[in-house]
């Protein structure tokens, strides 16, 4: 983990609700796709944890949805603004588990870490199948970025207005060696129950510190209590204990 000041070099809208922000600074603490950053916003007590979509030696990109006070404030920040950011948080996905034909499943802004994961897999000469789920066609985003890597994502929408009608699980009926997923807890549970092979999922929980000190994001697993910010956010699918 590293703390530093990062300068906003892009903060643009992708849909009515989804934004892309790119920040320049020291990214040396970022090692794996699926890790996250924690951003301090002026006058707000808690930092905002957000998955890293992509990064290089000089900058990183996040995708976020305007859903509350913090993200609404982020959406109004101009290029040139500098933010205090903790980087290199969490454990990230393990690409060594992918096998020859991995599947990536993302729902909404849950696709964010899967973009960086797809890049890492391609760099390792492994081409994944990507399924991206949305409520409706107006909410579809980032398909062009996947296509630019040579990946044609399978799109699902709940109302059938784009791609396959239904949830992401409606497009999962084909063989794959391993799956990686990120999205709502309901989506992740459905993907785990649908899949017949192991996988890794990125769980989202409300966080206090973001680096394992406060224990506020602890969840129970088959392997005992785990802190989503420190032991996660990526967990092996078979160890998750679903509530209810």
Protein backbone atom coordinates (compact mmCIF):
# COMPACT_ATOMS: atom_id res chain seq x y z
CA UNK A 1 0.00 0.00 0.00
CA UNK A 2 1.16 3.50 -0.82
CA UNK A 3 -0.32 6.92 -0.14
CA UNK A 4 0.20 9.78 -2.56
CA UNK A 5 -1.26 12.73 -4.41
CA UNK A 6 -2.72 12.03 -7.85
CA UNK A 7 -3.79 14.58 -10.45
CA UNK A 8 -7.05 14.11 -12.33
CA UNK A 9 -6.34 14.07 -16.06
CA UNK A 10 -9.79 12.85 -17.17
CA UNK A 11 -13.22 12.76 -15.54
CA UNK A 12 -15.88 12.14 -18.17
CA UNK A 13 -19.36 10.65 -18.37
CA UNK A 14 -19.81 7.30 -20.15
CA UNK A 15 -23.58 7.05 -19.50
CA UNK A 16 -26.12 9.09 -17.52
CA UNK A 17 -24.71 7.61 -14.31
CA UNK A 18 -21.31 6.05 -15.03
CA UNK A 19 -18.09 8.09 -15.04
CA UNK A 20 -14.50 7.36 -16.01
CA UNK A 21 -11.69 9.06 -14.09
CA UNK A 22 -8.00 8.81 -14.91
CA UNK A 23 -5.41 10.02 -12.41
CA UNK A 24 -1.67 10.53 -12.81
CA UNK A 25 0.83 9.64 -10.12
CA UNK A 26 2.89 6.86 -8.56
CA UNK A 27 1.25 3.52 -9.43
CA UNK A 28 4.12 1.30 -8.28
CA UNK A 29 2.00 -0.32 -5.53
CA UNK A 30 -0.44 -1.75 -8.07
CA UNK A 31 0.41 -5.35 -8.85
CA UNK A 32 -2.73 -7.32 -9.81
CA UNK A 33 -6.03 -6.69 -11.58
CA UNK A 34 -8.80 -6.63 -9.00
CA UNK A 35 -6.97 -4.47 -6.48
CA UNK A 36 -8.56 -1.17 -5.45
CA UNK A 37 -7.74 2.38 -4.41
CA UNK A 38 -9.17 4.46 -1.56
CA UNK A 39 -9.78 8.13 -2.35
CA UNK A 40 -10.06 10.94 0.18
CA UNK A 41 -12.63 13.62 -0.61
CA UNK A 42 -12.58 16.96 1.18
CA UNK A 43 -14.89 17.20 4.24
CA UNK A 44 -16.03 13.56 3.98
CA UNK A 45 -14.91 11.34 6.86
CA UNK A 46 -14.48 8.02 5.03
CA UNK A 47 -12.46 7.45 1.90
CA UNK A 48 -14.16 6.04 -1.21
CA UNK A 49 -12.90 2.56 -2.23
CA UNK A 50 -12.98 1.93 -6.00
CA UNK A 51 -11.71 -0.92 -8.17
CA UNK A 52 -8.91 -0.14 -10.57
CA UNK A 53 -9.98 -0.62 -14.18
CA UNK A 54 -6.57 -0.17 -15.78
CA UNK A 55 -3.14 1.22 -14.98
CA UNK A 56 0.31 1.84 -16.38
CA UNK A 57 3.54 3.23 -14.94
CA UNK A 58 2.20 6.78 -14.75
CA UNK A 59 -1.59 6.66 -14.23
CA UNK A 60 -4.62 4.56 -13.36
CA UNK A 61 -8.27 4.53 -14.43
CA UNK A 62 -11.41 3.94 -12.38
CA UNK A 63 -15.04 3.58 -13.42
CA UNK A 64 -17.67 4.67 -10.92
CA UNK A 65 -21.40 5.23 -10.72
CA UNK A 66 -22.96 8.39 -9.30
CA UNK A 67 -25.00 6.89 -6.47
CA UNK A 68 -24.38 9.07 -3.41
CA UNK A 69 -22.79 12.15 -1.93
CA UNK A 70 -19.21 11.00 -2.46
CA UNK A 71 -19.50 9.90 -6.07
CA UNK A 72 -21.62 12.93 -6.97
CA UNK A 73 -18.84 15.12 -5.61
CA UNK A 74 -16.25 13.10 -7.55
CA UNK A 75 -18.21 13.59 -10.77
CA UNK A 76 -17.92 17.37 -10.41
CA UNK A 77 -14.15 17.41 -9.95
CA UNK A 78 -12.25 19.10 -12.82
CA UNK A 79 -9.07 18.00 -14.56
CA UNK A 80 -6.07 19.33 -12.65
CA UNK A 81 -7.58 18.66 -9.22
CA UNK A 82 -5.28 16.65 -6.94
CA UNK A 83 -6.56 13.86 -4.69
CA UNK A 84 -5.05 11.97 -1.75
CA UNK A 85 -5.18 8.29 -2.73
CA UNK A 86 -4.19 5.00 -1.11
CA UNK A 87 -3.11 2.57 -3.84
CA UNK A 88 -2.30 -1.13 -4.10
CA UNK A 89 -5.09 -2.22 -1.73
CA UNK A 90 -6.55 -5.73 -1.64
CA UNK A 91 -5.35 -8.98 -3.13
CA UNK A 92 -6.61 -9.00 -6.74
CA UNK A 93 -7.31 -11.89 -9.13
CA UNK A 94 -4.91 -14.79 -9.62
CA UNK A 95 -4.40 -15.26 -13.36
CA UNK A 96 -2.41 -18.46 -12.80
CA UNK A 97 -5.72 -20.23 -12.10
CA UNK A 98 -7.31 -19.31 -15.45
CA UNK A 99 -6.57 -22.45 -17.44
CA UNK A 100 -6.90 -22.30 -21.20
CA UNK A 101 -10.46 -20.99 -21.52
CA UNK A 102 -11.45 -18.62 -18.70
CA UNK A 103 -14.74 -16.75 -18.41
CA UNK A 104 -15.05 -13.16 -17.13
CA UNK A 105 -18.48 -12.03 -15.88
CA UNK A 106 -19.24 -8.44 -14.92
CA UNK A 107 -22.42 -6.61 -13.97
CA UNK A 108 -22.62 -2.85 -14.48
CA UNK A 109 -19.59 -1.09 -13.03
CA UNK A 110 -18.49 -4.51 -11.84
CA UNK A 111 -16.89 -4.84 -15.26
CA UNK A 112 -14.22 -2.36 -14.16
CA UNK A 113 -11.57 -4.73 -12.74
CA UNK A 114 -12.34 -7.28 -15.45
CA UNK A 115 -10.96 -4.95 -18.11
CA UNK A 116 -7.53 -4.96 -16.46
CA UNK A 117 -7.86 -8.69 -15.88
CA UNK A 118 -8.59 -9.29 -19.58
CA UNK A 119 -5.46 -7.29 -20.50
CA UNK A 120 -3.35 -9.34 -18.09
CA UNK A 121 -4.70 -12.63 -19.46
CA UNK A 122 -4.06 -11.59 -23.06
CA UNK A 123 -0.52 -10.60 -22.13
CA UNK A 124 -0.18 -14.14 -20.77
CA UNK A 125 -1.43 -15.54 -24.13
CA UNK A 126 -4.83 -16.53 -22.68
CA UNK A 127 -7.97 -15.23 -24.44
CA UNK A 128 -11.04 -15.05 -22.17
CA UNK A 129 -14.73 -14.99 -23.00
CA UNK A 130 -16.34 -11.89 -21.47
CA UNK A 131 -20.00 -11.53 -20.44
CA UNK A 132 -21.22 -8.07 -19.41
CA UNK A 133 -24.66 -7.58 -17.87
CA UNK A 134 -26.81 -4.44 -17.72
CA UNK A 135 -30.41 -3.50 -16.98
CA UNK A 136 -31.09 -1.94 -20.38
CA UNK A 137 -29.36 -0.84 -23.61
CA UNK A 138 -29.00 2.77 -22.40
CA UNK A 139 -26.74 1.56 -19.60
CA UNK A 140 -24.30 -0.42 -21.78
CA UNK A 141 -20.75 0.94 -21.71
CA UNK A 142 -17.11 -0.04 -22.25
CA UNK A 143 -17.84 -2.61 -24.94
CA UNK A 144 -15.65 -0.69 -27.39
CA UNK A 145 -12.70 -0.84 -25.01
CA UNK A 146 -12.95 -4.63 -24.85
CA UNK A 147 -13.32 -4.83 -28.63
CA UNK A 148 -10.15 -2.76 -29.04
CA UNK A 149 -8.31 -5.63 -27.33
CA UNK A 150 -9.79 -8.13 -29.78
CA UNK A 151 -12.47 -9.35 -27.36
CA UNK A 152 -16.11 -9.27 -28.50
CA UNK A 153 -18.04 -9.19 -25.20
CA UNK A 154 -21.35 -11.00 -24.87
CA UNK A 155 -23.93 -8.44 -23.70
CA UNK A 156 -26.98 -9.29 -21.62
CA UNK A 157 -29.77 -6.91 -20.64
CA UNK A 158 -32.63 -7.68 -18.30
CA UNK A 159 -35.20 -6.18 -20.67
CA UNK A 160 -33.70 -7.68 -23.85
CA UNK A 161 -33.06 -4.28 -25.44
CA UNK A 162 -29.46 -5.25 -26.26
CA UNK A 163 -27.85 -8.66 -26.69
CA UNK A 164 -29.13 -11.67 -24.76
CA UNK A 165 -32.33 -11.16 -22.78
CA UNK A 166 -31.94 -11.88 -19.06
CA UNK A 167 -29.21 -11.94 -16.46
CA UNK A 168 -25.56 -12.81 -17.10
CA UNK A 169 -26.29 -16.43 -16.18
CA UNK A 170 -28.43 -16.72 -19.33
CA UNK A 171 -25.24 -16.54 -21.43
CA UNK A 172 -23.08 -18.95 -19.42
CA UNK A 173 -24.06 -22.23 -21.11
CA UNK A 174 -20.74 -23.18 -22.69
CA UNK A 175 -17.55 -24.88 -21.42
CA UNK A 176 -14.86 -22.85 -19.65
CA UNK A 177 -11.97 -23.74 -17.37
CA UNK A 178 -12.33 -21.09 -14.65
CA UNK A 179 -14.43 -18.00 -14.02
CA UNK A 180 -13.76 -14.54 -12.63
CA UNK A 181 -16.66 -12.28 -11.66
CA UNK A 182 -17.46 -8.89 -10.20
CA UNK A 183 -20.87 -7.33 -9.58
CA UNK A 184 -23.67 -7.23 -7.04
CA UNK A 185 -23.83 -9.93 -4.38
CA UNK A 186 -27.00 -11.33 -5.96
CA UNK A 187 -25.27 -11.61 -9.33
CA UNK A 188 -22.17 -13.20 -7.84
CA UNK A 189 -24.24 -15.77 -5.97
CA UNK A 190 -26.16 -16.65 -9.14
CA UNK A 191 -22.92 -17.01 -11.13
CA UNK A 192 -21.40 -19.28 -8.46
CA UNK A 193 -24.51 -21.44 -8.35
CA UNK A 194 -24.68 -21.66 -12.14
CA UNK A 195 -21.01 -22.48 -12.69
CA UNK A 196 -19.75 -26.05 -12.60
CA UNK A 197 -16.09 -25.10 -12.22
CA UNK A 198 -14.14 -23.08 -9.65
CA UNK A 199 -13.68 -19.35 -9.85
CA UNK A 200 -12.83 -16.11 -8.07
CA UNK A 201 -15.27 -13.34 -7.22
CA UNK A 202 -14.75 -9.76 -6.10
CA UNK A 203 -17.02 -8.91 -3.17
CA UNK A 204 -18.03 -5.39 -2.28
CA UNK A 205 -18.64 -4.36 1.34
CA UNK A 206 -18.83 -1.01 3.11
CA UNK A 207 -15.33 -0.21 4.37
CA UNK A 208 -13.93 1.97 7.11
CA UNK A 209 -10.14 2.12 6.88
CA UNK A 210 -9.66 0.12 3.65
CA UNK A 211 -6.50 -1.67 4.77
CA UNK A 212 -7.52 -4.16 7.48
CA UNK A 213 -7.22 -2.19 10.71
CA UNK A 214 -10.85 -1.54 11.66
CA UNK A 215 -12.31 -4.99 10.83
CA UNK A 216 -15.49 -3.27 9.61
CA UNK A 217 -15.77 -5.23 6.36
CA UNK A 218 -15.28 -8.72 7.83
CA UNK A 219 -17.28 -11.60 6.34
CA UNK A 220 -17.53 -15.24 7.37
CA UNK A 221 -16.19 -17.85 4.96
CA UNK A 222 -15.58 -21.59 5.07
CA UNK A 223 -12.01 -20.67 5.98
CA UNK A 224 -12.98 -18.37 8.84
CA UNK A 225 -13.50 -14.62 9.09
CA UNK A 226 -11.93 -12.56 6.32
CA UNK A 227 -11.55 -8.82 5.82
CA UNK A 228 -12.76 -7.83 2.35
CA UNK A 229 -10.33 -4.90 2.21
CA UNK A 230 -7.28 -6.97 3.16
CA UNK A 231 -7.96 -10.68 2.53
CA UNK A 232 -10.22 -9.74 -0.40
CA UNK A 233 -11.90 -8.20 -2.21
CA UNK A 234 -11.22 -11.29 -4.34
CA UNK A 235 -12.19 -14.62 -2.75
CA UNK A 236 -12.32 -18.13 -4.14
CA UNK A 237 -15.92 -18.90 -5.10
CA UNK A 238 -16.08 -22.16 -3.17
CA UNK A 239 -15.20 -20.55 0.18
CA UNK A 240 -18.00 -17.97 0.24
CA UNK A 241 -20.84 -18.50 2.71
CA UNK A 242 -23.93 -16.86 1.24
CA UNK A 243 -26.46 -15.44 3.68
CA UNK A 244 -30.07 -16.57 3.58
